[in-house]
N, C-alpha and C. Protein backbone atom coordinates (compact mmCIF):
# COMPACT_ATOMS: atom_id res chain seq x y z
N UNK A 1 9.52 44.45 -0.25
CA UNK A 1 10.35 43.75 -0.48
C UNK A 1 9.40 42.41 -2.08
N UNK A 2 10.35 42.71 -2.88
CA UNK A 2 9.71 41.61 -4.54
C UNK A 2 9.48 41.19 -4.23
N UNK A 3 7.81 40.68 -4.73
CA UNK A 3 7.59 39.31 -4.62
C UNK A 3 8.87 38.21 -6.51
N UNK A 4 9.19 37.26 -5.61
CA UNK A 4 9.28 36.46 -7.10
C UNK A 4 7.95 35.99 -7.91
N UNK A 5 8.22 36.21 -8.89
CA UNK A 5 8.27 36.02 -10.25
C UNK A 5 7.95 34.23 -10.69
N UNK A 6 6.33 32.95 -10.46
CA UNK A 6 6.61 31.90 -10.51
C UNK A 6 7.09 31.36 -11.72
N UNK A 7 7.62 30.55 -11.61
CA UNK A 7 8.50 29.60 -12.52
C UNK A 7 7.92 28.49 -13.30
N UNK A 8 7.30 27.92 -14.32
CA UNK A 8 7.03 26.47 -15.23
C UNK A 8 5.66 26.51 -15.60
N UNK A 9 5.22 27.94 -15.94
CA UNK A 9 4.03 28.61 -15.96
C UNK A 9 4.08 28.07 -17.81
N UNK A 10 2.94 27.76 -19.05
CA UNK A 10 2.84 27.16 -19.79
C UNK A 10 2.44 29.17 -20.18
N UNK A 11 3.25 30.12 -20.64
CA UNK A 11 2.91 30.70 -21.55
C UNK A 11 3.35 30.81 -22.93
N UNK A 12 2.21 31.74 -23.91
CA UNK A 12 2.85 31.22 -25.30
C UNK A 12 2.92 32.16 -25.43
N UNK A 13 3.31 32.83 -26.47
CA UNK A 13 2.77 33.65 -27.09
C UNK A 13 1.71 33.58 -28.88
N UNK A 14 0.55 34.10 -28.30
CA UNK A 14 -0.56 33.80 -29.08
C UNK A 14 -1.21 34.97 -30.29
N UNK A 15 -1.06 35.37 -31.26
CA UNK A 15 -1.16 36.40 -32.00
C UNK A 15 -0.78 37.32 -31.64
N UNK A 16 0.37 37.89 -31.12
CA UNK A 16 1.21 38.77 -30.27
C UNK A 16 1.49 39.25 -29.21
N UNK A 17 0.03 38.27 -28.63
CA UNK A 17 -0.08 38.14 -27.21
C UNK A 17 0.52 37.62 -25.85
N UNK A 18 1.31 37.83 -25.22
CA UNK A 18 1.96 36.60 -24.39
C UNK A 18 0.87 36.31 -23.74
N UNK A 19 0.55 35.17 -23.80
CA UNK A 19 -0.40 34.55 -22.92
C UNK A 19 -0.21 33.30 -22.06
N UNK A 20 -0.78 33.26 -21.19
CA UNK A 20 -1.08 32.37 -20.07
C UNK A 20 -1.51 31.29 -20.73
N UNK A 21 -1.47 30.20 -20.27
CA UNK A 21 -2.29 29.27 -20.95
C UNK A 21 -3.06 28.28 -19.57
N UNK A 22 -2.12 28.15 -19.05
CA UNK A 22 -1.92 27.56 -17.85
C UNK A 22 -0.87 26.98 -16.39
N UNK A 23 -1.22 25.82 -15.50
CA UNK A 23 -0.33 25.82 -14.70
C UNK A 23 1.15 25.68 -15.45
N UNK A 24 1.45 24.33 -16.44
CA UNK A 24 2.84 23.95 -16.99
C UNK A 24 3.15 22.98 -15.60
N UNK A 25 3.91 23.24 -15.25
CA UNK A 25 4.87 22.25 -14.45
C UNK A 25 4.89 23.26 -13.16
N UNK A 26 4.54 24.40 -13.26
CA UNK A 26 4.49 25.16 -11.56
C UNK A 26 3.58 24.65 -10.62
N UNK A 27 4.15 23.78 -9.17
CA UNK A 27 3.23 23.45 -8.70
C UNK A 27 3.19 24.76 -6.77
N UNK A 28 3.67 26.42 -7.32
CA UNK A 28 3.08 26.99 -7.06
C UNK A 28 2.04 27.09 -6.09
N UNK A 29 1.19 26.82 -4.51
CA UNK A 29 0.20 27.33 -4.38
C UNK A 29 -0.21 28.85 -4.42
N UNK A 30 0.80 30.21 -3.95
CA UNK A 30 0.34 31.62 -4.32
C UNK A 30 1.22 31.58 -5.93
N UNK A 31 0.11 31.75 -6.84
CA UNK A 31 0.65 32.58 -8.27
C UNK A 31 1.16 33.94 -8.65
N UNK A 32 2.83 33.71 -8.65
CA UNK A 32 2.97 35.11 -9.22
C UNK A 32 3.09 35.43 -10.90
N UNK A 33 2.49 35.70 -11.64
CA UNK A 33 2.19 35.78 -13.02
C UNK A 33 3.03 36.70 -13.38
N UNK A 34 4.53 36.48 -14.33
CA UNK A 34 4.96 36.73 -14.94
C UNK A 34 4.54 38.53 -15.86
N UNK A 35 5.56 39.46 -14.87
CA UNK A 35 5.17 40.73 -15.92
C UNK A 35 4.91 41.50 -17.35
N UNK A 36 5.76 40.63 -18.05
CA UNK A 36 5.24 40.40 -18.99
C UNK A 36 4.12 39.56 -19.84
N UNK A 37 3.59 38.92 -18.73
CA UNK A 37 2.20 38.06 -19.56
C UNK A 37 0.78 38.96 -19.19
N UNK A 38 0.71 39.51 -20.46
CA UNK A 38 -1.06 40.37 -21.43
C UNK A 38 -2.32 39.16 -20.97
N UNK A 39 -2.06 38.20 -21.26
CA UNK A 39 -3.89 37.56 -20.72
C UNK A 39 -3.60 36.39 -20.09
N UNK A 40 -4.73 35.77 -19.68
CA UNK A 40 -5.32 34.62 -19.22
C UNK A 40 -5.87 33.94 -20.27
N UNK A 41 -5.54 33.18 -20.54
CA UNK A 41 -6.22 32.19 -21.15
C UNK A 41 -7.32 31.95 -21.41
N UNK A 42 -8.64 31.16 -21.48
CA UNK A 42 -9.55 30.41 -21.17
C UNK A 42 -9.77 29.29 -21.05
N UNK A 43 -10.12 29.37 -19.64
CA UNK A 43 -9.65 27.20 -19.26
C UNK A 43 -8.37 27.23 -17.88
N UNK A 44 -7.51 28.41 -18.40
CA UNK A 44 -6.05 27.83 -17.73
C UNK A 44 -5.91 27.42 -16.52
N UNK A 45 -6.64 28.28 -15.79
CA UNK A 45 -6.84 27.37 -14.70
C UNK A 45 -8.16 26.61 -13.48
N UNK A 46 -9.22 26.59 -14.87
CA UNK A 46 -10.17 25.39 -14.53
C UNK A 46 -9.72 24.29 -13.85
N UNK A 47 -10.90 24.60 -12.83
CA UNK A 47 -10.39 22.98 -11.84
C UNK A 47 -8.82 22.84 -11.65
N UNK A 48 -7.73 23.93 -10.65
CA UNK A 48 -7.64 23.58 -10.13
C UNK A 48 -7.12 23.98 -8.62
N UNK A 49 -7.32 22.84 -8.32
CA UNK A 49 -7.63 23.08 -6.59
C UNK A 49 -6.22 23.06 -5.59
N UNK A 50 -4.75 23.02 -5.97
CA UNK A 50 -3.70 23.51 -5.85
C UNK A 50 -3.48 24.92 -5.91
N UNK A 51 -4.25 25.77 -6.04
CA UNK A 51 -4.45 27.20 -6.19
C UNK A 51 -4.84 27.99 -5.55
N UNK A 52 -4.37 28.33 -4.32
CA UNK A 52 -4.25 29.30 -3.33
C UNK A 52 -5.26 31.25 -3.26
N UNK A 53 -4.11 31.42 -4.59
CA UNK A 53 -4.22 32.81 -4.68
C UNK A 53 -3.67 33.65 -6.02
N UNK A 54 -3.34 34.03 -7.00
CA UNK A 54 -3.23 34.25 -8.33
C UNK A 54 -2.34 36.10 -7.55
N UNK A 55 -1.73 35.75 -8.68
CA UNK A 55 -1.28 37.87 -8.90
C UNK A 55 -1.43 38.08 -9.74
N UNK A 56 -1.58 38.68 -10.81
CA UNK A 56 -1.85 38.65 -12.17
C UNK A 56 -1.61 40.40 -12.02
N UNK A 57 -0.77 41.43 -11.18
CA UNK A 57 -0.67 42.81 -11.85
C UNK A 57 -0.87 43.71 -12.88
N UNK A 58 -0.01 42.74 -13.43
CA UNK A 58 0.09 43.22 -15.32
C UNK A 58 -0.22 42.56 -16.05
N UNK A 59 -1.43 41.50 -15.72
CA UNK A 59 -2.41 40.82 -16.73
C UNK A 59 -3.54 42.00 -16.89
N UNK A 60 -4.18 42.35 -18.49
CA UNK A 60 -4.94 43.19 -18.73
C UNK A 60 -6.66 42.20 -19.05
N UNK A 61 -6.02 41.46 -19.55
CA UNK A 61 -6.94 40.94 -19.69
C UNK A 61 -7.55 39.25 -19.28
N UNK A 62 -8.44 38.81 -18.76
CA UNK A 62 -8.79 37.44 -17.87
C UNK A 62 -9.97 36.38 -19.02
N UNK A 63 -9.44 35.32 -19.76
CA UNK A 63 -10.20 34.75 -20.74
C UNK A 63 -11.90 34.08 -19.85
N UNK A 64 -12.61 33.09 -20.07
CA UNK A 64 -13.74 32.94 -19.60
C UNK A 64 -13.40 31.69 -18.69
N UNK A 65 -13.99 31.02 -18.23
CA UNK A 65 -13.84 29.93 -16.68
C UNK A 65 -12.91 30.31 -16.59
N UNK A 66 -11.51 31.54 -16.98
CA UNK A 66 -10.47 30.94 -16.09
C UNK A 66 -9.96 30.11 -14.97
N UNK A 67 -10.14 30.56 -13.95
CA UNK A 67 -10.23 29.90 -12.67
C UNK A 67 -11.76 29.16 -12.35
N UNK A 68 -12.49 28.85 -13.07
CA UNK A 68 -13.26 28.09 -12.55
C UNK A 68 -13.17 26.77 -11.91
N UNK A 69 -14.33 26.85 -10.91
CA UNK A 69 -14.44 25.94 -9.87
C UNK A 69 -12.59 25.13 -9.70
N UNK A 70 -12.12 25.95 -9.59
CA UNK A 70 -10.72 25.95 -8.96
C UNK A 70 -10.79 26.40 -7.42
N UNK A 71 -9.35 26.73 -6.62
CA UNK A 71 -9.43 26.44 -5.18
C UNK A 71 -9.42 28.04 -5.18
N UNK A 72 -8.94 29.44 -6.12
CA UNK A 72 -8.62 30.21 -5.23
C UNK A 72 -9.03 30.74 -4.47
N UNK A 73 -8.76 31.57 -3.49
CA UNK A 73 -9.26 32.65 -1.93
C UNK A 73 -8.85 34.08 -3.14
N UNK A 74 -7.91 34.16 -3.24
CA UNK A 74 -7.11 35.59 -3.50
C UNK A 74 -6.50 36.15 -5.19
N UNK A 75 -7.49 37.32 -5.01
CA UNK A 75 -6.26 37.34 -7.07
C UNK A 75 -6.56 38.87 -6.65
N UNK A 76 -5.12 39.46 -7.47
CA UNK A 76 -5.13 40.65 -7.71
C UNK A 76 -4.75 40.77 -9.13
N UNK A 77 -5.26 42.01 -10.00
CA UNK A 77 -5.53 42.42 -11.23
C UNK A 77 -5.29 43.60 -11.57
N UNK A 78 -4.13 44.66 -11.08
CA UNK A 78 -4.44 46.48 -11.03
C UNK A 78 -4.79 46.21 -12.96
N UNK A 79 -4.36 46.29 -13.79
CA UNK A 79 -4.58 46.17 -15.25
C UNK A 79 -5.42 46.17 -15.45
N UNK A 80 -5.79 45.06 -15.07
CA UNK A 80 -7.16 44.51 -15.21
C UNK A 80 -8.50 44.95 -16.17
N UNK A 81 -8.33 45.80 -18.06
CA UNK A 81 -10.21 46.41 -18.66
C UNK A 81 -10.35 45.32 -19.66
N UNK A 82 -10.22 44.04 -19.82
CA UNK A 82 -11.05 42.91 -20.04
C UNK A 82 -11.38 41.90 -19.58
N UNK A 83 -12.17 40.61 -18.85
CA UNK A 83 -12.93 39.49 -18.56
C UNK A 83 -13.56 38.97 -19.40
N UNK A 84 -13.33 37.89 -19.50
CA UNK A 84 -14.67 36.99 -19.94
C UNK A 84 -15.41 36.10 -19.06
N UNK A 85 -16.11 35.81 -19.81
CA UNK A 85 -17.96 35.62 -18.95
C UNK A 85 -17.38 34.00 -17.59
N UNK A 86 -17.56 33.91 -16.23
CA UNK A 86 -17.50 33.14 -15.50
C UNK A 86 -16.20 32.99 -15.01
N UNK A 87 -15.21 34.04 -15.33
CA UNK A 87 -13.93 33.53 -15.04
C UNK A 87 -13.90 32.62 -13.10
N UNK A 88 -15.18 33.01 -11.97
CA UNK A 88 -14.65 32.63 -10.94
C UNK A 88 -15.99 31.73 -10.72
N UNK A 89 -16.59 31.17 -11.64
CA UNK A 89 -17.43 30.56 -11.32
C UNK A 89 -17.17 29.03 -10.72
N UNK A 90 -18.36 28.94 -9.55
CA UNK A 90 -17.64 27.30 -8.03
C UNK A 90 -16.05 28.06 -7.57
N UNK A 91 -16.04 29.67 -7.20
CA UNK A 91 -14.97 29.83 -6.46
C UNK A 91 -15.75 30.60 -5.10
N UNK A 92 -14.93 30.58 -4.20
CA UNK A 92 -14.89 31.04 -3.04
C UNK A 92 -14.01 31.71 -2.92
N UNK A 93 -14.43 33.65 -3.40
CA UNK A 93 -13.19 34.63 -3.30
C UNK A 93 -13.67 35.37 -2.22
N UNK A 94 -11.95 35.20 -1.07
CA UNK A 94 -11.79 35.86 -0.12
C UNK A 94 -11.50 37.55 0.15
N UNK A 95 -10.47 37.59 -1.48
CA UNK A 95 -10.17 39.01 -1.20
C UNK A 95 -10.10 39.01 -2.32
N UNK A 96 -10.14 40.42 -3.77
CA UNK A 96 -10.63 40.83 -5.20
C UNK A 96 -10.29 41.96 -4.62
N UNK A 97 -8.75 42.41 -5.52
CA UNK A 97 -8.15 43.76 -6.21
C UNK A 97 -8.08 43.56 -7.62
N UNK A 98 -9.21 44.64 -7.70
CA UNK A 98 -8.87 44.87 -9.23
C UNK A 98 -9.07 46.89 -9.89
N UNK A 99 -9.25 47.02 -10.86
CA UNK A 99 -8.86 48.84 -10.77
C UNK A 99 -10.11 49.65 -10.72
N UNK A 100 -10.25 50.62 -10.23
CA UNK A 100 -11.02 50.95 -9.33
C UNK A 100 -12.61 51.74 -10.01
N UNK A 101 -12.86 51.24 -10.30
CA UNK A 101 -15.05 51.38 -11.19
C UNK A 101 -14.79 49.99 -11.81
N UNK A 102 -13.54 48.95 -11.75
CA UNK A 102 -14.14 47.74 -12.09
C UNK A 102 -14.54 46.91 -11.61
N UNK A 103 -15.80 45.91 -12.10
CA UNK A 103 -16.42 45.52 -11.02
C UNK A 103 -16.45 43.74 -11.98
N UNK A 104 -16.47 42.77 -10.70
CA UNK A 104 -16.46 41.16 -11.50
C UNK A 104 -17.53 41.35 -10.64
N UNK A 105 -17.96 40.07 -11.57
CA UNK A 105 -19.40 39.15 -11.00
C UNK A 105 -19.22 37.85 -9.85
N UNK A 106 -19.05 37.67 -9.14
CA UNK A 106 -18.95 36.51 -8.44
C UNK A 106 -20.07 35.06 -8.15
């Protein structure tokens, strides 16, 4: 069963990189990032207390503090190869799925 991508997200083309800049009008507690998004910007979901889980399976880069002080508990990023600093500061992650051999600090 295919999961439906979230709509209403603030997605912009920044220097030819499709970038998710924030929640926009999306009210989903589980956010599924559209497959064309390559990067999540710095502070994109900073202090987002409505966020339970995020599926950014196709995202390759996540900016600093992207989820800091948010309520995210589950995180999936199969193609991640670049992550900024403190992306999960203040979070309690229950489950994180990242590429084999890649590590994130929690």
